[in-house]
Amino acid sequence: MLAFLATLLAALVVAGCGGDDEEGGGSAQQPPEGSGEEQSRVIEPIPGAEQTSITVGSKNFDEQYILGEIYAQSLEAAGYDVEKELDIGSEVVAYEALTGGQIDAYPEYTGTALTSFFDVELDEVPRDQEEAYEQARAAYAEDEITALPPTPFENSYRIGLLKETAQELGNPTKISQLEGRAGDLSISGFPECRQRTDCLLGVEQVYGLEFGEFVSSESPYEVLDTEEADTAFIFTTDGNLATDQYAVLEDDMMLFPPYNVTLSVRNEIAEAMGPEGQAVIEAVQEPLTEEVMQELNSRVAVDREEPEQVAADYLSQFGFVQG
C-alpha cells in the first residue's frame, strides 16, 4: 500500500509540474529510476553536519515512535550525529525534557501545544491550520523553541463506528447527523474523555448530543469490534482505519482544533542545523498525508512491524534514502 502511495505521489508531482496542455492529454507517470526527479529527493550529507549532535525524542504511542524515527533517520542521512530518546511519556513530560535540554527535538501537535503548554482555551484555538501553527510558533519562541513548518496531515479526534453500524443508522457522514439518535447509542473513549472539552464534554456542549452510555476504554477498535459500544472516539490517522472496516464522522461544527505535527527544536540546535537541515525535515514531511500516516500506523498497530523499520521503509520508498 505504501509503495502504491509513493508511486501515486510521484505521479501527482509530475502532473503538477507539467504544462497546461488541454489538448495533449499526456499521462502522469512515476519518474524513471535514476531520473532527476527521483534523485532530487535523495538526502545528501550536509558539510559540517557531523559537528552537531541532535537528540530526537518522541511521546509514547505508535505514531510518535514512527515520526521520531523518520526525523532521526533523515537527520542521520544528512550527516548529523543523532541519538534517539523515544517513548519519553506524555506531552507534559516530553516538553519538560525539551525545555530542560534532555532532548533537542520532538514532534508535537499544534492543538496540543496551544492547549497544554500555552494555556489557550479550546474554543480560542484558531480552526485554520496555518493560523494555529503561527500562534503555536510564536508561543514556542517565548520558550526559546523553534517550531518547524507543520506536516500536511493532522491527527485529530473524530467519532468512528463499524460500517455495518453506520448502515443501520442510514450511513451518516457528519457528527451532527447523530442528532435524535445519540440517546440510543453508546460511545467509548479513554477515561478522562467524559470530562474533556476536546472529547465527550465538548461533543455534548457543541453538538447537543447526549449518548445513552459512555464506555471507558483505551482500545476503541476492540470495543467497536466486540460491539461493547456503538461508536467511539478515534484519531484520524489511526492505523486501524486503513483496514476499511470503519466509518468516520466529520466534525462539521469544527469542535476540534487543528492537530498538525511540528518538529519542536531547541533554538540552539535549530541554528546549528541551519536552513539546510531544516529543509531536510520539511522535505521528508511532504508525503505525509493522512492516508500515508494511516498506512504507516497500520504497519505497527495491525501488522506488528517495528517503528524503526517502518520509518526506514518510508524514507526508502519515497526516495529520500537509497537501498
Protein backbone atom coordinates (compact mmCIF):
# COMPACT_ATOMS: atom_id res chain seq x y z
CA MET A 1 0.00 0.00 0.00
CA LEU A 2 2.79 2.40 0.92
CA ALA A 3 4.61 1.66 -2.33
CA PHE A 4 1.39 2.42 -4.21
CA LEU A 5 1.02 5.73 -2.37
CA ALA A 6 4.64 6.59 -3.17
CA THR A 7 4.01 5.89 -6.84
CA LEU A 8 0.80 7.93 -6.78
CA LEU A 9 2.51 10.89 -5.13
CA ALA A 10 5.32 10.82 -7.66
CA ALA A 11 2.75 10.79 -10.45
CA LEU A 12 0.96 13.77 -8.95
CA VAL A 13 4.24 15.68 -8.64
CA VAL A 14 4.97 15.10 -12.31
CA ALA A 15 1.41 16.09 -13.26
CA GLY A 16 1.68 19.28 -11.23
CA CYS A 17 4.96 20.22 -12.91
CA GLY A 18 3.65 19.64 -16.43
CA GLY A 19 2.44 22.31 -18.82
CA ASP A 20 -1.16 23.44 -19.05
CA ASP A 21 -1.82 21.29 -22.10
CA GLU A 22 -5.56 20.94 -22.51
CA GLU A 23 -5.31 19.13 -25.85
CA GLY A 24 -2.25 16.91 -25.46
CA GLY A 25 -3.63 14.60 -22.76
CA GLY A 26 -0.21 13.27 -21.70
CA SER A 27 -0.35 10.83 -18.78
CA ALA A 28 1.45 11.42 -15.48
CA GLN A 29 3.88 8.66 -14.63
CA GLN A 30 6.40 8.00 -11.88
CA PRO A 31 9.80 9.36 -12.97
CA PRO A 32 12.07 6.60 -14.28
CA GLU A 33 14.67 5.26 -11.88
CA GLY A 34 17.75 7.45 -11.91
CA SER A 35 15.91 10.47 -13.33
CA GLY A 36 16.46 13.97 -11.96
CA GLU A 37 13.00 13.94 -10.36
CA GLU A 38 13.88 10.88 -8.29
CA GLN A 39 17.42 11.96 -7.49
CA SER A 40 16.29 15.39 -6.29
CA ARG A 41 14.68 13.75 -3.25
CA VAL A 42 17.71 11.84 -2.00
CA ILE A 43 19.07 13.32 1.23
CA GLU A 44 22.68 14.34 0.70
CA PRO A 45 25.18 14.80 3.57
CA ILE A 46 25.43 18.43 4.66
CA PRO A 47 29.03 19.68 5.02
CA GLY A 48 29.89 20.09 8.70
CA ALA A 49 26.70 18.40 9.94
CA GLU A 50 28.69 15.79 11.84
CA GLN A 51 29.75 18.51 14.28
CA THR A 52 26.16 18.90 15.53
CA SER A 53 24.71 16.33 17.93
CA ILE A 54 20.91 16.08 17.99
CA THR A 55 18.87 14.01 20.43
CA VAL A 56 15.46 13.27 18.93
CA GLY A 57 12.66 12.33 21.30
CA SER A 58 9.03 11.28 20.99
CA LYS A 59 5.97 10.66 23.11
CA ASN A 60 4.76 7.17 23.93
CA PHE A 61 2.50 5.86 21.17
CA ASP A 62 2.90 4.32 17.72
CA GLU A 63 2.60 7.44 15.57
CA GLN A 64 5.14 9.26 17.72
CA TYR A 65 7.60 6.38 17.51
CA ILE A 66 7.30 6.36 13.73
CA LEU A 67 7.67 10.13 13.39
CA GLY A 68 10.60 10.15 15.81
CA GLU A 69 12.32 7.50 13.69
CA ILE A 70 11.60 9.35 10.43
CA TYR A 71 13.11 12.58 11.78
CA ALA A 72 16.07 10.82 13.38
CA GLN A 73 16.91 8.69 10.34
CA SER A 74 16.59 11.60 7.91
CA LEU A 75 18.86 13.82 10.02
CA GLU A 76 21.31 10.92 10.26
CA ALA A 77 21.25 10.61 6.47
CA ALA A 78 22.10 14.33 6.30
CA GLY A 79 25.21 13.66 8.38
CA TYR A 80 24.17 14.82 11.86
CA ASP A 81 25.27 12.93 14.97
CA VAL A 82 21.86 11.65 16.07
CA GLU A 83 20.74 9.97 19.27
CA LYS A 84 17.21 8.75 19.98
CA GLU A 85 15.20 9.07 23.20
CA LEU A 86 11.84 7.74 22.05
CA ASP A 87 9.00 6.74 24.38
CA ILE A 88 9.58 9.67 26.76
CA GLY A 89 6.00 9.87 28.01
CA SER A 90 3.11 12.33 27.79
CA GLU A 91 3.30 15.76 26.17
CA VAL A 92 3.98 17.41 29.54
CA VAL A 93 6.93 15.12 30.23
CA ALA A 94 8.22 15.49 26.65
CA TYR A 95 8.03 19.27 26.72
CA GLU A 96 9.83 19.43 30.05
CA ALA A 97 12.55 17.23 28.57
CA LEU A 98 12.81 19.57 25.58
CA THR A 99 12.94 22.85 27.51
CA GLY A 100 15.24 21.25 30.07
CA GLY A 101 17.73 20.13 27.42
CA GLN A 102 17.43 16.36 27.92
CA ILE A 103 16.30 16.15 24.29
CA ASP A 104 16.82 18.58 21.42
CA ALA A 105 13.71 17.96 19.32
CA TYR A 106 10.45 16.02 19.31
CA PRO A 107 7.22 16.03 17.24
CA GLU A 108 4.21 17.74 18.80
CA TYR A 109 0.69 18.57 17.61
CA THR A 110 -0.20 22.25 17.24
CA GLY A 111 -3.56 21.99 19.01
CA THR A 112 -1.97 20.04 21.87
CA ALA A 113 0.83 22.59 22.25
CA LEU A 114 -1.57 25.52 22.41
CA THR A 115 -3.94 23.96 24.93
CA SER A 116 -1.43 22.00 27.05
CA PHE A 117 1.61 24.31 27.16
CA PHE A 118 0.38 27.79 26.42
CA ASP A 119 -2.97 27.92 28.27
CA VAL A 120 -5.11 28.62 25.20
CA GLU A 121 -8.73 27.66 25.75
CA LEU A 122 -10.02 25.06 23.29
CA ASP A 123 -12.62 27.37 21.74
CA GLU A 124 -9.96 30.07 21.29
CA VAL A 125 -7.61 27.91 19.21
CA PRO A 126 -7.78 29.01 15.54
CA ARG A 127 -9.53 26.41 13.39
CA ASP A 128 -7.38 27.40 10.40
CA GLN A 129 -4.33 25.12 10.35
CA GLU A 130 -1.86 27.81 9.32
CA GLU A 131 -3.15 30.27 11.93
CA ALA A 132 -2.93 27.61 14.65
CA TYR A 133 0.65 26.84 13.64
CA GLU A 134 1.65 30.52 13.63
CA GLN A 135 0.15 31.02 17.07
CA ALA A 136 1.98 27.96 18.39
CA ARG A 137 5.23 29.04 16.70
CA ALA A 138 5.08 32.45 18.40
CA ALA A 139 4.36 30.87 21.79
CA TYR A 140 7.18 28.34 21.38
CA ALA A 141 9.58 31.21 20.59
CA GLU A 142 8.97 32.63 24.08
CA ASP A 143 10.43 29.38 25.46
CA GLU A 144 13.37 29.53 23.02
CA ILE A 145 11.95 26.70 20.95
CA THR A 146 11.74 26.74 17.14
CA ALA A 147 8.60 25.14 15.71
CA LEU A 148 9.46 23.91 12.21
CA PRO A 149 6.74 24.03 9.50
CA PRO A 150 3.91 21.53 10.07
CA THR A 151 3.06 18.24 8.39
CA PRO A 152 0.35 18.06 5.70
CA PHE A 153 -1.63 15.61 7.85
CA GLU A 154 -3.30 16.28 11.16
CA ASN A 155 -4.22 13.69 13.73
CA SER A 156 -7.50 14.90 15.18
CA TYR A 157 -10.39 13.43 17.13
CA ARG A 158 -13.39 12.08 15.28
CA ILE A 159 -16.23 9.70 16.06
CA GLY A 160 -15.89 6.30 14.42
CA LEU A 161 -18.14 3.27 14.09
CA LEU A 162 -18.29 -0.02 12.25
CA LYS A 163 -19.52 0.33 8.68
CA GLU A 164 -22.30 -2.14 9.50
CA THR A 165 -23.47 0.11 12.33
CA ALA A 166 -23.31 3.13 10.04
CA GLN A 167 -25.51 1.35 7.51
CA GLU A 168 -28.09 0.62 10.21
CA LEU A 169 -28.12 4.35 11.02
CA GLY A 170 -28.58 5.39 7.39
CA ASN A 171 -24.87 6.00 6.68
CA PRO A 172 -24.33 9.31 8.47
CA THR A 173 -21.20 11.19 7.43
CA LYS A 174 -21.23 14.02 10.00
CA ILE A 175 -21.36 14.10 13.79
CA SER A 176 -24.38 16.41 13.66
CA GLN A 177 -26.36 13.68 11.88
CA LEU A 178 -26.45 11.72 15.16
CA GLU A 179 -28.95 14.26 16.48
CA GLY A 180 -32.05 12.45 17.72
CA ARG A 181 -30.21 9.10 17.68
CA ALA A 182 -27.43 9.55 20.25
CA GLY A 183 -29.67 8.59 23.15
CA ASP A 184 -29.98 5.09 21.72
CA LEU A 185 -26.23 4.76 21.17
CA SER A 186 -23.27 4.05 23.41
CA ILE A 187 -19.92 5.78 22.89
CA SER A 188 -16.44 4.78 24.02
CA GLY A 189 -13.45 6.90 24.93
CA PHE A 190 -10.45 6.97 27.25
CA PRO A 191 -11.40 7.55 30.91
CA GLU A 192 -10.75 11.32 31.00
CA CYS A 193 -12.74 11.83 27.78
CA ARG A 194 -16.07 12.38 29.51
CA GLN A 195 -14.70 15.46 31.34
CA ARG A 196 -12.69 16.97 28.47
CA THR A 197 -13.98 19.74 26.23
CA ASP A 198 -12.00 18.27 23.34
CA CYS A 199 -13.77 14.93 23.76
CA LEU A 200 -17.21 13.86 25.06
CA LEU A 201 -17.95 17.02 27.06
CA GLY A 202 -17.27 19.17 24.01
CA VAL A 203 -19.43 16.99 21.75
CA GLU A 204 -22.30 17.28 24.24
CA GLN A 205 -21.92 21.05 24.51
CA VAL A 206 -21.29 21.92 20.84
CA TYR A 207 -23.47 19.32 19.12
CA GLY A 208 -26.12 18.99 21.84
CA LEU A 209 -25.79 15.20 21.79
CA GLU A 210 -26.50 13.04 24.82
CA PHE A 211 -25.35 9.45 24.37
CA GLY A 212 -27.13 6.64 26.17
CA GLU A 213 -23.96 5.20 27.71
CA PHE A 214 -20.25 6.01 27.99
CA VAL A 215 -17.88 3.02 27.82
CA SER A 216 -14.46 3.81 29.26
CA SER A 217 -11.67 2.14 27.27
CA GLU A 218 -8.18 2.76 25.87
CA SER A 219 -8.89 0.38 22.95
CA PRO A 220 -11.65 1.92 20.78
CA TYR A 221 -11.40 -0.55 17.90
CA GLU A 222 -11.57 -3.57 20.16
CA VAL A 223 -14.67 -2.07 21.79
CA LEU A 224 -16.27 -1.46 18.38
CA ASP A 225 -15.33 -4.91 17.04
CA THR A 226 -16.83 -6.68 20.06
CA GLU A 227 -19.89 -4.40 19.93
CA GLU A 228 -19.36 -3.24 23.51
CA ALA A 229 -20.07 0.26 22.16
CA ASP A 230 -21.80 1.55 19.04
CA THR A 231 -19.44 4.49 18.48
CA ALA A 232 -16.03 5.55 19.75
CA PHE A 233 -13.68 8.50 19.79
CA ILE A 234 -10.86 7.74 17.36
CA PHE A 235 -7.98 9.59 15.74
CA THR A 236 -7.93 10.39 12.03
CA THR A 237 -4.58 8.69 11.38
CA ASP A 238 -5.24 5.50 13.36
CA GLY A 239 -3.74 2.50 11.63
CA ASN A 240 -6.96 0.50 12.03
CA LEU A 241 -8.70 2.90 9.62
CA ALA A 242 -6.51 1.53 6.82
CA THR A 243 -8.43 -1.77 7.10
CA ASP A 244 -11.55 -0.04 5.67
CA GLN A 245 -13.84 -1.61 8.28
CA TYR A 246 -14.86 1.65 9.91
CA ALA A 247 -16.82 4.77 9.06
CA VAL A 248 -15.58 8.15 10.30
CA LEU A 249 -17.94 11.05 11.06
CA GLU A 250 -16.72 14.52 10.16
CA ASP A 251 -16.51 17.30 12.72
CA ASP A 252 -18.87 19.55 10.76
CA MET A 253 -19.24 22.08 13.61
CA MET A 254 -15.44 22.38 13.97
CA LEU A 255 -15.22 21.42 17.62
CA PHE A 256 -11.70 20.04 17.38
CA PRO A 257 -8.74 22.36 16.70
CA PRO A 258 -6.02 21.54 14.13
CA TYR A 259 -3.54 18.87 15.19
CA ASN A 260 -0.81 19.07 12.55
CA VAL A 261 2.64 17.98 13.67
CA THR A 262 5.54 20.38 14.08
CA LEU A 263 9.04 19.26 14.98
CA SER A 264 9.82 21.38 18.03
CA VAL A 265 13.54 22.11 18.24
CA ARG A 266 15.64 23.95 20.82
CA ASN A 267 16.82 27.25 19.30
CA GLU A 268 20.47 26.37 19.73
CA ILE A 269 20.05 23.18 17.70
CA ALA A 270 17.79 24.81 15.10
CA GLU A 271 20.50 27.42 14.49
CA ALA A 272 23.17 24.71 14.23
CA MET A 273 21.01 22.81 11.72
CA GLY A 274 20.67 25.94 9.62
CA PRO A 275 18.41 26.25 6.58
CA GLU A 276 19.84 23.07 5.01
CA GLY A 277 18.99 20.86 7.99
CA GLN A 278 15.56 22.38 8.41
CA ALA A 279 14.91 21.83 4.71
CA VAL A 280 15.56 18.11 5.22
CA ILE A 281 12.75 17.98 7.79
CA GLU A 282 10.34 19.86 5.52
CA ALA A 283 11.17 17.54 2.62
CA VAL A 284 10.59 14.26 4.46
CA GLN A 285 7.27 15.57 5.79
CA GLU A 286 5.91 16.45 2.36
CA PRO A 287 4.47 12.99 1.53
CA LEU A 288 2.92 12.58 5.00
CA THR A 289 -0.74 12.84 4.07
CA GLU A 290 -3.46 11.41 6.28
CA GLU A 291 -3.63 8.27 4.12
CA VAL A 292 0.13 7.69 4.25
CA MET A 293 0.23 8.19 8.02
CA GLN A 294 -2.65 5.75 8.45
CA GLU A 295 -0.73 3.18 6.45
CA LEU A 296 2.45 3.68 8.48
CA ASN A 297 0.50 3.38 11.74
CA SER A 298 -1.24 0.28 10.41
CA ARG A 299 2.08 -1.44 9.83
CA VAL A 300 2.88 -1.04 13.52
CA ALA A 301 -0.58 -1.36 15.15
CA VAL A 302 -2.03 -4.08 12.90
CA ASP A 303 0.95 -5.83 11.25
CA ARG A 304 3.17 -5.58 14.35
CA GLU A 305 6.20 -4.24 12.49
CA GLU A 306 8.86 -2.23 14.32
CA PRO A 307 8.60 1.59 14.01
CA GLU A 308 12.30 1.78 13.11
CA GLN A 309 11.79 -0.48 10.08
CA VAL A 310 8.54 1.23 9.09
CA ALA A 311 10.30 4.61 9.08
CA ALA A 312 13.23 3.19 7.09
CA ASP A 313 10.84 1.74 4.50
CA TYR A 314 9.03 5.08 4.22
CA LEU A 315 12.25 7.01 3.59
CA SER A 316 13.38 4.43 1.05
CA GLN A 317 10.09 4.04 -0.83
CA PHE A 318 9.61 7.79 -1.16
CA GLY A 319 13.15 8.19 -2.45
CA PHE A 320 14.82 10.01 0.46
CA VAL A 321 17.43 7.31 1.01
CA GLN A 322 18.80 4.67 -1.31
CA GLY A 323 18.88 0.96 -0.70
